[in-house]
Protein backbone atom coordinates (compact mmCIF):
# COMPACT_ATOMS: atom_id res chain seq x y z
CA ARG A 1 91.27 129.49 133.63
CA SER A 2 88.74 132.30 133.28
CA ILE A 3 91.44 134.93 133.86
CA ILE A 4 93.45 133.52 130.96
CA ASN A 5 90.31 133.46 128.81
CA ASP A 6 89.71 137.10 129.68
CA SER A 7 93.20 137.96 128.43
CA TYR A 8 92.16 136.78 124.95
CA ARG A 9 89.61 139.61 124.84
CA THR A 10 92.45 142.13 124.87
CA ASP A 11 95.52 142.80 122.76
CA MET A 12 97.88 141.61 125.48
CA VAL A 13 98.19 138.22 123.79
CA PHE A 14 100.02 140.05 120.99
CA VAL A 15 102.22 142.07 123.34
CA TYR A 16 103.31 139.62 126.05
CA PRO A 17 104.57 136.04 125.85
CA PRO A 18 102.10 133.33 126.94
CA HIS A 19 104.13 132.39 130.03
CA VAL A 20 103.94 135.97 131.35
CA ILE A 21 100.15 136.02 130.93
CA ALA A 22 99.92 132.62 132.63
CA ILE A 23 102.04 133.77 135.58
CA ALA A 24 100.01 136.98 135.90
CA SER A 25 96.83 134.89 135.90
CA LEU A 26 98.25 132.67 138.63
CA PHE A 27 99.20 135.75 140.61
CA LEU A 28 95.72 137.24 140.30
CA SER A 29 93.98 134.01 141.21
CA ARG A 30 96.29 133.60 144.20
CA VAL A 31 95.54 137.13 145.43
CA VAL A 32 91.79 136.66 144.99
CA ASP A 33 91.88 133.26 146.67
CA GLN A 34 93.99 134.19 149.66
CA GLY A 35 92.80 137.76 150.26
CA ASN A 36 95.10 139.58 152.69
CA ARG A 37 96.70 136.48 154.21
CA SER A 38 100.44 136.27 153.85
CA ASP A 39 101.85 133.09 152.37
CA ILE A 40 105.64 133.08 152.46
CA GLU A 41 105.88 129.93 150.33
CA ALA A 42 103.82 131.45 147.50
CA GLN A 43 105.78 134.70 147.69
CA GLN A 44 109.03 132.78 147.45
CA TRP A 45 107.72 130.74 144.49
CA PHE A 46 106.89 133.90 142.54
CA ALA A 47 110.23 135.46 143.52
CA ASP A 48 112.17 132.40 142.27
CA LEU A 49 110.63 132.49 138.79
CA ASN A 50 112.99 133.37 135.98
CA VAL A 51 110.71 136.03 134.51
CA ASP A 52 110.69 139.83 134.43
CA ILE A 53 108.30 140.72 137.25
CA THR A 54 107.62 144.15 135.72
CA ASP A 55 106.04 142.45 132.68
CA VAL A 56 103.93 140.28 134.98
CA LEU A 57 102.76 143.32 136.93
CA GLN A 58 101.94 145.17 133.70
CA VAL A 59 99.72 142.27 132.62
CA VAL A 60 98.09 142.22 136.07
CA ASN A 61 97.39 145.97 135.81
CA GLU A 62 95.96 145.60 132.31
CA LEU A 63 93.67 142.79 133.44
CA LEU A 64 92.51 144.84 136.42
CA ALA A 65 91.79 147.77 134.08
CA VAL A 66 89.74 145.45 131.83
CA TYR A 67 87.72 144.22 134.80
CA GLU A 68 87.12 147.82 135.89
CA ASP A 69 85.94 148.74 132.38
CA TRP A 70 83.61 145.75 132.30
CA ARG A 71 82.20 146.69 135.68
CA ASP A 72 81.43 150.24 134.51
CA TYR A 73 80.14 149.21 131.06
CA ALA A 74 76.60 150.21 130.19
CA GLU A 75 75.10 149.62 126.75
CA ALA A 76 72.99 152.77 127.01
CA LYS A 77 76.13 154.96 127.23
CA MET A 78 77.74 153.55 124.08
CA PRO A 79 76.09 155.83 121.46
CA ASP A 80 77.34 158.90 123.34
CA VAL A 81 80.84 157.45 123.71
CA VAL A 82 81.03 156.57 120.01
CA SER A 83 79.73 160.02 119.01
CA ARG A 84 82.40 161.72 121.15
CA CYS A 85 85.13 159.53 119.64
CA ILE A 86 83.98 160.32 116.11
CA ALA A 87 83.84 164.04 116.92
CA ASP A 88 87.37 163.92 118.40
CA ILE A 89 88.70 162.14 115.31
CA ALA A 90 86.96 164.59 112.97
CA ALA A 91 88.33 167.55 114.92
CA SER A 92 91.88 166.26 114.73
CA VAL A 93 91.80 165.77 110.93
């Protein structure tokens, strides 16, 4: 459930249908839970779904990018990041 909640902190809820986000969340939780073990039944279940797997993998990649950003986030760096963004915007105008 926490993976789905994390998706609401992004714009993916406006881009992808809810069932794709739910399936991507199931996929991520399955990977985290099982590690490197192979489970043919789970692989077959995901393969039998009537959903575009490329959309599911895009959601998985976006969630992984969010988790990476959250891991690297530091409040102390934010003023510098915002200043650089403002300078880039001002330079492009």
